[in-house]
Amino acid sequence: MNRSLVGALSALLLGGATLVGAGAAPATAASPAKAPAPAKVSAKAAKAPKAVDFAGTVALSNCSGSVVRTPGSADSDPALVLSNGHCLESGFPGAGEVIVDQPSSRSFTLLTASGGRAGTVRASKVAYATMTDTDISLYQLTSTYAQIQSSYGIKALTLSDSHPTQGSAINVVSGYWKKIYSCNIDGFAYRLKEGDWTWKDSVRYTSACNTIGGTSGSPVVDPASGKVVAVNNTGNEDGGRCTLNNPCEVDENGTVTVRQGINYAQETYPITKCVTTGNKINLNLAGCVLPKP
């Protein structure tokens, strides 16, 4: 995971084990992905993109994140902060590890629309975190959405409840660096392998989103809707094959593809299927596919 601040300071912290199975097909080299041709949309159907800014994003000690809500969240619910599982203060969760309701007092710097400091919000617990199938952490805050808006004038970002679309424009909004990257969704990796971890149906960016260390956990926003569709988490730095800081793609047939310089994110719509009344994580809800402990 080279998208945390550590990755910006060191190109390779650890040697990652190759995760390709004995029966996998040989690796194939790939050039950096190119932006797809824009889809033809009628003037009537086209929507003007929303201006994407830093409001609702947060800076962690080593990563980025955002205050988020699901379509069903209430203003009176305790707010949630979304980041990566590999951004936890306790370190990387192991492959197969799922963390639920772990106490935390971590603080986050809440940003204004221009990237200025609005204030500080604090966690009461890690509601959910894992690096298995996806790479996410959800912190529950001591403040409600209403309290945050009343104190700082900041609204939470809303998680989209549908799968992102190939070719659509996106913005990767880093609260740590106060920088916004703009590109398109090039496609989706059936499996993305990095070191000991494997992620499913990952978002692949076009090359314009050349995210760096410290952008881990940044919300990936669809400017057409203003909603979060993914969370930024990794990229292949120097062409390595399935090792730390060098994820590889594996398709349904086991064929491995390495895309040096291309970066990735994890879809967030599955989160919306696992949140119930009071913003509580319920992994037993119908349609919830997030890994269980």
C-alpha atoms as a PDB file:
ATOM      1  CA  MET A   1       0.000   0.000   0.000  1.00  0.00           C
ATOM      2  CA  ASN A   2       1.974   2.932  -1.272  1.00  0.00           C
ATOM      3  CA  ARG A   3      -0.782   5.464  -0.905  1.00  0.00           C
ATOM      4  CA  SER A   4      -0.143   6.204   2.770  1.00  0.00           C
ATOM      5  CA  LEU A   5       2.353   8.894   3.756  1.00  0.00           C
ATOM      6  CA  VAL A   6       4.914   6.185   4.388  1.00  0.00           C
ATOM      7  CA  GLY A   7       4.803   5.346   0.702  1.00  0.00           C
ATOM      8  CA  ALA A   8       5.706   8.906  -0.219  1.00  0.00           C
ATOM      9  CA  LEU A   9       8.859   8.718   1.890  1.00  0.00           C
ATOM     10  CA  SER A  10       9.939   5.232   0.891  1.00  0.00           C
ATOM     11  CA  ALA A  11       9.318   3.576  -2.445  1.00  0.00           C
ATOM     12  CA  LEU A  12       9.381   0.128  -0.924  1.00  0.00           C
ATOM     13  CA  LEU A  13       9.144  -0.591   2.797  1.00  0.00           C
ATOM     14  CA  LEU A  14       8.922  -4.370   2.713  1.00  0.00           C
ATOM     15  CA  GLY A  15       9.338  -7.187   0.214  1.00  0.00           C
ATOM     16  CA  GLY A  16       5.890  -8.562  -0.567  1.00  0.00           C
ATOM     17  CA  ALA A  17       5.331 -12.215  -1.367  1.00  0.00           C
ATOM     18  CA  THR A  18       4.081 -13.090  -4.834  1.00  0.00           C
ATOM     19  CA  LEU A  19       0.472 -14.177  -4.654  1.00  0.00           C
ATOM     20  CA  VAL A  20       0.043 -15.825  -8.016  1.00  0.00           C
ATOM     21  CA  GLY A  21      -1.011 -19.451  -7.661  1.00  0.00           C
ATOM     22  CA  ALA A  22       0.791 -22.335  -9.286  1.00  0.00           C
ATOM     23  CA  GLY A  23      -1.922 -22.694 -11.891  1.00  0.00           C
ATOM     24  CA  ALA A  24      -1.980 -19.022 -12.893  1.00  0.00           C
ATOM     25  CA  ALA A  25      -1.172 -18.020 -16.432  1.00  0.00           C
ATOM     26  CA  PRO A  26       2.082 -16.101 -17.176  1.00  0.00           C
ATOM     27  CA  ALA A  27       2.168 -12.404 -16.419  1.00  0.00           C
ATOM     28  CA  THR A  28       1.516  -9.988 -19.226  1.00  0.00           C
ATOM     29  CA  ALA A  29       2.959  -6.491 -19.286  1.00  0.00           C
ATOM     30  CA  ALA A  30       0.565  -3.632 -19.850  1.00  0.00           C
ATOM     31  CA  SER A  31       1.056  -0.036 -20.799  1.00  0.00           C
ATOM     32  CA  PRO A  32      -0.451   2.599 -18.520  1.00  0.00           C
ATOM     33  CA  ALA A  33      -4.171   2.714 -19.119  1.00  0.00           C
ATOM     34  CA  LYS A  34      -5.505   5.392 -21.433  1.00  0.00           C
ATOM     35  CA  ALA A  35      -8.684   7.364 -20.988  1.00  0.00           C
ATOM     36  CA  PRO A  36     -11.586   5.794 -22.893  1.00  0.00           C
ATOM     37  CA  ALA A  37     -13.360   7.756 -25.582  1.00  0.00           C
ATOM     38  CA  PRO A  38     -16.150   9.822 -24.043  1.00  0.00           C
ATOM     39  CA  ALA A  39     -19.570   8.261 -24.318  1.00  0.00           C
ATOM     40  CA  LYS A  40     -22.151  10.016 -26.463  1.00  0.00           C
ATOM     41  CA  VAL A  41     -24.779  11.572 -24.247  1.00  0.00           C
ATOM     42  CA  SER A  42     -27.708  13.585 -25.464  1.00  0.00           C
ATOM     43  CA  ALA A  43     -27.820  17.219 -24.395  1.00  0.00           C
ATOM     44  CA  LYS A  44     -31.106  16.525 -22.640  1.00  0.00           C
ATOM     45  CA  ALA A  45     -29.682  13.629 -20.624  1.00  0.00           C
ATOM     46  CA  ALA A  46     -26.340  15.261 -19.808  1.00  0.00           C
ATOM     47  CA  LYS A  47     -25.907  16.620 -16.299  1.00  0.00           C
ATOM     48  CA  ALA A  48     -23.613  19.465 -15.387  1.00  0.00           C
ATOM     49  CA  PRO A  49     -20.887  18.148 -13.071  1.00  0.00           C
ATOM     50  CA  LYS A  50     -20.901  19.409  -9.522  1.00  0.00           C
ATOM     51  CA  ALA A  51     -17.952  21.406  -8.246  1.00  0.00           C
ATOM     52  CA  VAL A  52     -15.900  19.025  -6.118  1.00  0.00           C
ATOM     53  CA  ASP A  53     -14.021  20.603  -3.204  1.00  0.00           C
ATOM     54  CA  PHE A  54     -12.523  19.626   0.165  1.00  0.00           C
ATOM     55  CA  ALA A  55     -15.621  20.144   2.319  1.00  0.00           C
ATOM     56  CA  GLY A  56     -16.201  17.000   4.382  1.00  0.00           C
ATOM     57  CA  THR A  57     -12.750  15.543   3.782  1.00  0.00           C
ATOM     58  CA  VAL A  58     -10.336  14.966   6.649  1.00  0.00           C
ATOM     59  CA  ALA A  59      -6.602  14.644   7.188  1.00  0.00           C
ATOM     60  CA  LEU A  60      -5.282  11.776   9.303  1.00  0.00           C
ATOM     61  CA  SER A  61      -1.773  11.560  10.723  1.00  0.00           C
ATOM     62  CA  ASN A  62      -0.619   9.531   7.712  1.00  0.00           C
ATOM     63  CA  CYS A  63      -3.557   9.319   5.280  1.00  0.00           C
ATOM     64  CA  SER A  64      -6.655  11.016   3.933  1.00  0.00           C
ATOM     65  CA  GLY A  65     -10.336  10.351   4.626  1.00  0.00           C
ATOM     66  CA  SER A  66     -13.829  11.810   4.618  1.00  0.00           C
ATOM     67  CA  VAL A  67     -16.922  12.183   6.768  1.00  0.00           C
ATOM     68  CA  VAL A  68     -19.524  10.035   5.026  1.00  0.00           C
ATOM     69  CA  ARG A  69     -23.128   8.992   5.357  1.00  0.00           C
ATOM     70  CA  THR A  70     -25.297   6.431   3.601  1.00  0.00           C
ATOM     71  CA  PRO A  71     -28.523   7.413   1.803  1.00  0.00           C
ATOM     72  CA  GLY A  72     -30.402   6.164   4.889  1.00  0.00           C
ATOM     73  CA  SER A  73     -28.330   7.936   7.559  1.00  0.00           C
ATOM     74  CA  ALA A  74     -30.128  10.432   9.812  1.00  0.00           C
ATOM     75  CA  ASP A  75     -28.748  13.808  10.884  1.00  0.00           C
ATOM     76  CA  SER A  76     -28.960  12.612  14.487  1.00  0.00           C
ATOM     77  CA  ASP A  77     -26.747   9.564  13.820  1.00  0.00           C
ATOM     78  CA  PRO A  78     -23.124   9.477  15.000  1.00  0.00           C
ATOM     79  CA  ALA A  79     -21.044  10.432  11.979  1.00  0.00           C
ATOM     80  CA  LEU A  80     -18.682   8.043  10.198  1.00  0.00           C
ATOM     81  CA  VAL A  81     -15.202   8.705   8.794  1.00  0.00           C
ATOM     82  CA  LEU A  82     -14.109   6.571   5.834  1.00  0.00           C
ATOM     83  CA  SER A  83     -10.470   5.747   5.119  1.00  0.00           C
ATOM     84  CA  ASN A  84      -8.402   2.643   4.270  1.00  0.00           C
ATOM     85  CA  GLY A  85      -7.932  -0.443   6.390  1.00  0.00           C
ATOM     86  CA  HIS A  86      -4.184   0.014   5.952  1.00  0.00           C
ATOM     87  CA  CYS A  87      -4.456   3.499   7.495  1.00  0.00           C
ATOM     88  CA  LEU A  88      -5.466   2.186  10.934  1.00  0.00           C
ATOM     89  CA  GLU A  89      -3.374   3.508  13.824  1.00  0.00           C
ATOM     90  CA  SER A  90      -2.870  -0.114  14.912  1.00  0.00           C
ATOM     91  CA  GLY A  91      -1.215  -1.066  11.598  1.00  0.00           C
ATOM     92  CA  PHE A  92      -2.201  -3.215   8.631  1.00  0.00           C
ATOM     93  CA  PRO A  93      -4.885  -5.836   9.351  1.00  0.00           C
ATOM     94  CA  GLY A  94      -3.714  -9.287   8.332  1.00  0.00           C
ATOM     95  CA  ALA A  95      -5.162 -11.150   5.369  1.00  0.00           C
ATOM     96  CA  GLY A  96      -8.501 -12.547   6.524  1.00  0.00           C
ATOM     97  CA  GLU A  97      -8.696 -10.221   9.545  1.00  0.00           C
ATOM     98  CA  VAL A  98     -11.834  -8.177  10.175  1.00  0.00           C
ATOM     99  CA  ILE A  99     -12.039  -5.572  12.953  1.00  0.00           C
ATOM    100  CA  VAL A 100     -15.403  -4.606  14.450  1.00  0.00           C
ATOM    101  CA  ASP A 101     -16.223  -2.182  17.299  1.00  0.00           C
ATOM    102  CA  GLN A 102     -12.651  -1.591  18.422  1.00  0.00           C
ATOM    103  CA  PRO A 103     -12.271   1.419  20.783  1.00  0.00           C
ATOM    104  CA  SER A 104     -10.420   4.380  19.281  1.00  0.00           C
ATOM    105  CA  SER A 105      -9.879   8.020  20.220  1.00  0.00           C
ATOM    106  CA  ARG A 106      -8.205   8.988  16.953  1.00  0.00           C
ATOM    107  CA  SER A 107      -8.625  12.607  15.894  1.00  0.00           C
ATOM    108  CA  PHE A 108      -9.175  13.948  12.379  1.00  0.00           C
ATOM    109  CA  THR A 109      -8.665  17.432  10.959  1.00  0.00           C
ATOM    110  CA  LEU A 110     -11.899  18.455   9.227  1.00  0.00           C
ATOM    111  CA  LEU A 111     -11.438  20.610   6.137  1.00  0.00           C
ATOM    112  CA  THR A 112     -13.420  23.468   4.636  1.00  0.00           C
ATOM    113  CA  ALA A 113     -14.315  23.693   0.955  1.00  0.00           C
ATOM    114  CA  SER A 114     -11.070  25.548   0.209  1.00  0.00           C
ATOM    115  CA  GLY A 115      -8.937  23.077   2.173  1.00  0.00           C
ATOM    116  CA  GLY A 116      -8.599  25.177   5.294  1.00  0.00           C
ATOM    117  CA  ARG A 117      -8.917  23.762   8.803  1.00  0.00           C
ATOM    118  CA  ALA A 118     -12.525  23.780   9.988  1.00  0.00           C
ATOM    119  CA  GLY A 119     -11.875  21.973  13.256  1.00  0.00           C
ATOM    120  CA  THR A 120     -11.142  18.609  14.838  1.00  0.00           C
ATOM    121  CA  VAL A 121     -13.459  15.629  15.130  1.00  0.00           C
ATOM    122  CA  ARG A 122     -12.719  12.558  17.209  1.00  0.00           C
ATOM    123  CA  ALA A 123     -13.511   8.854  16.955  1.00  0.00           C
ATOM    124  CA  SER A 124     -15.159   6.773  19.630  1.00  0.00           C
ATOM    125  CA  LYS A 125     -14.372   3.486  17.887  1.00  0.00           C
ATOM    126  CA  VAL A 126     -13.369   1.693  14.717  1.00  0.00           C
ATOM    127  CA  ALA A 127     -16.796   0.510  13.642  1.00  0.00           C
ATOM    128  CA  TYR A 128     -15.397  -1.690  10.865  1.00  0.00           C
ATOM    129  CA  ALA A 129     -12.067  -2.277   9.161  1.00  0.00           C
ATOM    130  CA  THR A 130     -10.481  -4.892   6.923  1.00  0.00           C
ATOM    131  CA  MET A 131      -7.998  -5.411   4.110  1.00  0.00           C
ATOM    132  CA  THR A 132      -9.722  -8.576   2.916  1.00  0.00           C
ATOM    133  CA  ASP A 133     -11.734  -8.303  -0.345  1.00  0.00           C
ATOM    134  CA  THR A 134     -11.555  -4.524   0.095  1.00  0.00           C
ATOM    135  CA  ASP A 135      -9.401  -1.967   1.940  1.00  0.00           C
ATOM    136  CA  ILE A 136     -11.605   0.158   4.182  1.00  0.00           C
ATOM    137  CA  SER A 137     -11.895   1.550   7.675  1.00  0.00           C
ATOM    138  CA  LEU A 138     -15.001   3.182   9.147  1.00  0.00           C
ATOM    139  CA  TYR A 139     -14.547   5.195  12.321  1.00  0.00           C
ATOM    140  CA  GLN A 140     -17.590   6.179  14.364  1.00  0.00           C
ATOM    141  CA  LEU A 141     -17.261   9.723  15.703  1.00  0.00           C
ATOM    142  CA  THR A 142     -18.315  11.246  19.009  1.00  0.00           C
ATOM    143  CA  SER A 143     -20.277  13.873  17.016  1.00  0.00           C
ATOM    144  CA  THR A 144     -23.464  13.531  14.994  1.00  0.00           C
ATOM    145  CA  TYR A 145     -23.850  14.858  11.468  1.00  0.00           C
ATOM    146  CA  ALA A 146     -26.090  17.625  12.819  1.00  0.00           C
ATOM    147  CA  GLN A 147     -23.508  18.643  15.419  1.00  0.00           C
ATOM    148  CA  ILE A 148     -20.729  18.782  12.815  1.00  0.00           C
ATOM    149  CA  GLN A 149     -22.848  20.938  10.517  1.00  0.00           C
ATOM    150  CA  SER A 150     -23.897  23.204  13.381  1.00  0.00           C
ATOM    151  CA  SER A 151     -20.336  23.649  14.677  1.00  0.00           C
ATOM    152  CA  TYR A 152     -18.440  23.871  11.385  1.00  0.00           C
ATOM    153  CA  GLY A 153     -20.990  24.346   8.601  1.00  0.00           C
ATOM    154  CA  ILE A 154     -19.742  21.136   6.971  1.00  0.00           C
ATOM    155  CA  LYS A 155     -22.008  18.468   5.474  1.00  0.00           C
ATOM    156  CA  ALA A 156     -20.962  14.839   5.136  1.00  0.00           C
ATOM    157  CA  LEU A 157     -20.348  13.284   1.734  1.00  0.00           C
ATOM    158  CA  THR A 158     -22.915  10.688   0.676  1.00  0.00           C
ATOM    159  CA  LEU A 159     -21.898   7.184  -0.368  1.00  0.00           C
ATOM    160  CA  SER A 160     -23.393   6.063  -3.665  1.00  0.00           C
ATOM    161  CA  ASP A 161     -25.441   2.887  -3.304  1.00  0.00           C
ATOM    162  CA  SER A 162     -24.739   1.687  -6.846  1.00  0.00           C
ATOM    163  CA  HIS A 163     -21.747   0.234  -8.701  1.00  0.00           C
ATOM    164  CA  PRO A 164     -19.522   2.869 -10.377  1.00  0.00           C
ATOM    165  CA  THR A 165     -19.525   3.128 -14.170  1.00  0.00           C
ATOM    166  CA  GLN A 166     -16.602   2.517 -16.500  1.00  0.00           C
ATOM    167  CA  GLY A 167     -15.562   5.673 -18.330  1.00  0.00           C
ATOM    168  CA  SER A 168     -17.148   8.081 -15.870  1.00  0.00           C
ATOM    169  CA  ALA A 169     -15.252  11.114 -14.627  1.00  0.00           C
ATOM    170  CA  ILE A 170     -13.958  11.018 -11.053  1.00  0.00           C
ATOM    171  CA  ASN A 171     -12.106  13.222  -8.576  1.00  0.00           C
ATOM    172  CA  VAL A 172      -9.755  11.794  -5.941  1.00  0.00           C
ATOM    173  CA  VAL A 173      -9.816  14.297  -3.071  1.00  0.00           C
ATOM    174  CA  SER A 174      -6.831  14.129  -0.710  1.00  0.00           C
ATOM    175  CA  GLY A 175      -7.363  15.831   2.631  1.00  0.00           C
ATOM    176  CA  TYR A 176      -3.764  15.118   3.626  1.00  0.00           C
ATOM    177  CA  TRP A 177      -2.189  16.910   0.669  1.00  0.00           C
ATOM    178  CA  LYS A 178      -5.147  19.223  -0.027  1.00  0.00           C
ATOM    179  CA  LYS A 179      -5.009  18.177  -3.654  1.00  0.00           C
ATOM    180  CA  ILE A 180      -7.697  16.994  -6.057  1.00  0.00           C
ATOM    181  CA  TYR A 181      -6.830  14.562  -8.865  1.00  0.00           C
ATOM    182  CA  SER A 182      -9.108  14.356 -11.903  1.00  0.00           C
ATOM    183  CA  CYS A 183      -9.358  11.422 -14.300  1.00  0.00           C
ATOM    184  CA  ASN A 184     -11.765   8.684 -15.411  1.00  0.00           C
ATOM    185  CA  ILE A 185     -12.568   5.133 -14.382  1.00  0.00           C
ATOM    186  CA  ASP A 186     -10.597   3.079 -16.890  1.00  0.00           C
ATOM    187  CA  GLY A 187     -12.172  -0.206 -15.792  1.00  0.00           C
ATOM    188  CA  PHE A 188     -12.292  -2.763 -13.012  1.00  0.00           C
ATOM    189  CA  ALA A 189      -9.810  -5.387 -11.843  1.00  0.00           C
ATOM    190  CA  TYR A 190     -11.490  -8.745 -11.160  1.00  0.00           C
ATOM    191  CA  ARG A 191      -8.881  -9.383  -8.482  1.00  0.00           C
ATOM    192  CA  LEU A 192      -6.135  -7.028  -7.347  1.00  0.00           C
ATOM    193  CA  LYS A 193      -3.278  -8.679  -5.435  1.00  0.00           C
ATOM    194  CA  GLU A 194      -0.648  -6.923  -3.369  1.00  0.00           C
ATOM    195  CA  GLY A 195       1.605  -8.768  -0.957  1.00  0.00           C
ATOM    196  CA  ASP A 196      -0.591 -10.873   1.339  1.00  0.00           C
ATOM    197  CA  TRP A 197      -3.834  -9.121   0.367  1.00  0.00           C
ATOM    198  CA  THR A 198      -6.402  -9.661  -2.380  1.00  0.00           C
ATOM    199  CA  TRP A 199      -9.176  -7.199  -3.286  1.00  0.00           C
ATOM    200  CA  LYS A 200     -12.233  -7.805  -5.442  1.00  0.00           C
ATOM    201  CA  ASP A 201     -13.642  -5.687  -8.281  1.00  0.00           C
ATOM    202  CA  SER A 202     -11.199  -2.800  -7.764  1.00  0.00           C
ATOM    203  CA  VAL A 203     -11.530   0.511  -9.617  1.00  0.00           C
ATOM    204  CA  ARG A 204      -8.675   1.220 -12.042  1.00  0.00           C
ATOM    205  CA  TYR A 205      -7.949   4.869 -12.837  1.00  0.00           C
ATOM    206  CA  THR A 206      -6.762   6.329 -16.104  1.00  0.00           C
ATOM    207  CA  SER A 207      -3.187   7.587 -15.848  1.00  0.00           C
ATOM    208  CA  ALA A 208      -4.110  11.206 -15.045  1.00  0.00           C
ATOM    209  CA  CYS A 209      -4.805  10.228 -11.404  1.00  0.00           C
ATOM    210  CA  ASN A 210      -1.144   9.758 -10.441  1.00  0.00           C
ATOM    211  CA  THR A 211      -1.831   9.629  -6.703  1.00  0.00           C
ATOM    212  CA  ILE A 212       1.076   9.589  -4.228  1.00  0.00           C
ATOM    213  CA  GLY A 213       1.756   8.582  -0.647  1.00  0.00           C
ATOM    214  CA  GLY A 214      -0.610  10.314   1.787  1.00  0.00           C
ATOM    215  CA  THR A 215      -3.580  10.014  -0.582  1.00  0.00           C
ATOM    216  CA  SER A 216      -4.569   6.667   0.943  1.00  0.00           C
ATOM    217  CA  GLY A 217      -8.170   6.836   2.097  1.00  0.00           C
ATOM    218  CA  SER A 218      -9.126   9.732  -0.171  1.00  0.00           C
ATOM    219  CA  PRO A 219     -12.764   9.675  -1.268  1.00  0.00           C
ATOM    220  CA  VAL A 220     -13.264   9.083  -4.990  1.00  0.00           C
ATOM    221  CA  VAL A 221     -16.114  11.395  -5.966  1.00  0.00           C
ATOM    222  CA  ASP A 222     -18.312  11.242  -9.061  1.00  0.00           C
ATOM    223  CA  PRO A 223     -18.719  14.923 -10.000  1.00  0.00           C
ATOM    224  CA  ALA A 224     -21.958  14.188 -11.855  1.00  0.00           C
ATOM    225  CA  SER A 225     -23.691  13.162  -8.625  1.00  0.00           C
ATOM    226  CA  GLY A 226     -21.347  14.535  -5.973  1.00  0.00           C
ATOM    227  CA  LYS A 227     -21.364  11.101  -4.295  1.00  0.00           C
ATOM    228  CA  VAL A 228     -18.486   8.912  -3.154  1.00  0.00           C
ATOM    229  CA  VAL A 229     -18.081   5.831  -5.356  1.00  0.00           C
ATOM    230  CA  ALA A 230     -14.761   4.466  -4.048  1.00  0.00           C
ATOM    231  CA  VAL A 231     -11.848   5.006  -1.682  1.00  0.00           C
ATOM    232  CA  ASN A 232      -8.315   5.443  -3.049  1.00  0.00           C
ATOM    233  CA  ASN A 233      -5.859   2.821  -1.821  1.00  0.00           C
ATOM    234  CA  THR A 234      -2.887   1.768  -3.967  1.00  0.00           C
ATOM    235  CA  GLY A 235      -0.900   1.839  -7.193  1.00  0.00           C
ATOM    236  CA  ASN A 236       1.887   0.000  -8.982  1.00  0.00           C
ATOM    237  CA  GLU A 237       5.003   2.093  -8.395  1.00  0.00           C
ATOM    238  CA  ASP A 238       7.813   0.380 -10.289  1.00  0.00           C
ATOM    239  CA  GLY A 239       6.440  -2.544 -12.272  1.00  0.00           C
ATOM    240  CA  GLY A 240       6.756  -5.221  -9.595  1.00  0.00           C
ATOM    241  CA  ARG A 241       4.487  -8.247  -9.768  1.00  0.00           C
ATOM    242  CA  CYS A 242       1.960  -8.636  -6.931  1.00  0.00           C
ATOM    243  CA  THR A 243       4.331  -7.278  -4.258  1.00  0.00           C
ATOM    244  CA  LEU A 244       3.918  -4.506  -1.680  1.00  0.00           C
ATOM    245  CA  ASN A 245       3.481  -1.172  -3.480  1.00  0.00           C
ATOM    246  CA  ASN A 246       3.192  -3.092  -6.763  1.00  0.00           C
ATOM    247  CA  PRO A 247      -0.285  -4.635  -7.061  1.00  0.00           C
ATOM    248  CA  CYS A 248      -1.114  -6.825 -10.034  1.00  0.00           C
ATOM    249  CA  GLU A 249      -4.423  -7.615 -11.680  1.00  0.00           C
ATOM    250  CA  VAL A 250      -5.626 -11.215 -11.970  1.00  0.00           C
ATOM    251  CA  ASP A 251      -8.555 -12.021 -14.252  1.00  0.00           C
ATOM    252  CA  GLU A 252     -11.079 -14.867 -14.064  1.00  0.00           C
ATOM    253  CA  ASN A 253      -8.700 -17.184 -15.920  1.00  0.00           C
ATOM    254  CA  GLY A 254      -5.741 -16.481 -13.635  1.00  0.00           C
ATOM    255  CA  THR A 255      -3.914 -14.275 -16.137  1.00  0.00           C
ATOM    256  CA  VAL A 256      -1.780 -11.679 -14.363  1.00  0.00           C
ATOM    257  CA  THR A 257      -1.400  -8.131 -15.701  1.00  0.00           C
ATOM    258  CA  VAL A 258       1.028  -5.544 -14.342  1.00  0.00           C
ATOM    259  CA  ARG A 259       0.272  -1.876 -15.048  1.00  0.00           C
ATOM    260  CA  GLN A 260       3.189   0.234 -13.864  1.00  0.00           C
ATOM    261  CA  GLY A 261       2.188   3.755 -12.827  1.00  0.00           C
ATOM    262  CA  ILE A 262      -1.527   2.964 -12.650  1.00  0.00           C
ATOM    263  CA  ASN A 263      -3.484   3.516  -9.445  1.00  0.00           C
ATOM    264  CA  TYR A 264      -6.555   1.918  -7.900  1.00  0.00           C
ATOM    265  CA  ALA A 265      -9.441   2.347  -5.479  1.00  0.00           C
ATOM    266  CA  GLN A 266     -11.934   0.121  -3.691  1.00  0.00           C
ATOM    267  CA  GLU A 267     -15.655   0.452  -4.352  1.00  0.00           C
ATOM    268  CA  THR A 268     -17.751   1.790  -1.483  1.00  0.00           C
ATOM    269  CA  TYR A 269     -21.324   0.957  -2.506  1.00  0.00           C
ATOM    270  CA  PRO A 270     -21.141  -2.394  -0.596  1.00  0.00           C
ATOM    271  CA  ILE A 271     -20.850  -0.380   2.641  1.00  0.00           C
ATOM    272  CA  THR A 272     -24.366   0.998   2.129  1.00  0.00           C
ATOM    273  CA  LYS A 273     -25.775  -2.542   2.196  1.00  0.00           C
ATOM    274  CA  CYS A 274     -24.311  -3.161   5.669  1.00  0.00           C
ATOM    275  CA  VAL A 275     -25.446  -0.081   7.611  1.00  0.00           C
ATOM    276  CA  THR A 276     -28.695  -0.082   9.562  1.00  0.00           C
ATOM    277  CA  THR A 277     -30.624   2.310  11.818  1.00  0.00           C
ATOM    278  CA  GLY A 278     -28.398   4.539  13.904  1.00  0.00           C
ATOM    279  CA  ASN A 279     -25.477   4.105  11.466  1.00  0.00           C
ATOM    280  CA  LYS A 280     -24.720   0.723  13.010  1.00  0.00           C
ATOM    281  CA  ILE A 281     -22.761  -1.839  11.000  1.00  0.00           C
ATOM    282  CA  ASN A 282     -24.779  -5.044  10.625  1.00  0.00           C
ATOM    283  CA  LEU A 283     -22.915  -7.661   8.606  1.00  0.00           C
ATOM    284  CA  ASN A 284     -25.959  -9.962   8.659  1.00  0.00           C
ATOM    285  CA  LEU A 285     -28.178  -7.660   6.607  1.00  0.00           C
ATOM    286  CA  ALA A 286     -29.537  -9.077   3.359  1.00  0.00           C
ATOM    287  CA  GLY A 287     -27.232  -8.012   0.535  1.00  0.00           C
ATOM    288  CA  CYS A 288     -24.261  -7.259   2.802  1.00  0.00           C
ATOM    289  CA  VAL A 289     -21.145  -8.886   1.354  1.00  0.00           C
ATOM    290  CA  LEU A 290     -18.449  -7.260   3.498  1.00  0.00           C
ATOM    291  CA  PRO A 291     -16.233  -9.888   5.136  1.00  0.00           C
ATOM    292  CA  LYS A 292     -17.206 -10.986   8.638  1.00  0.00           C
ATOM    293  CA  PRO A 293     -14.852 -11.605  11.591  1.00  0.00           C
END
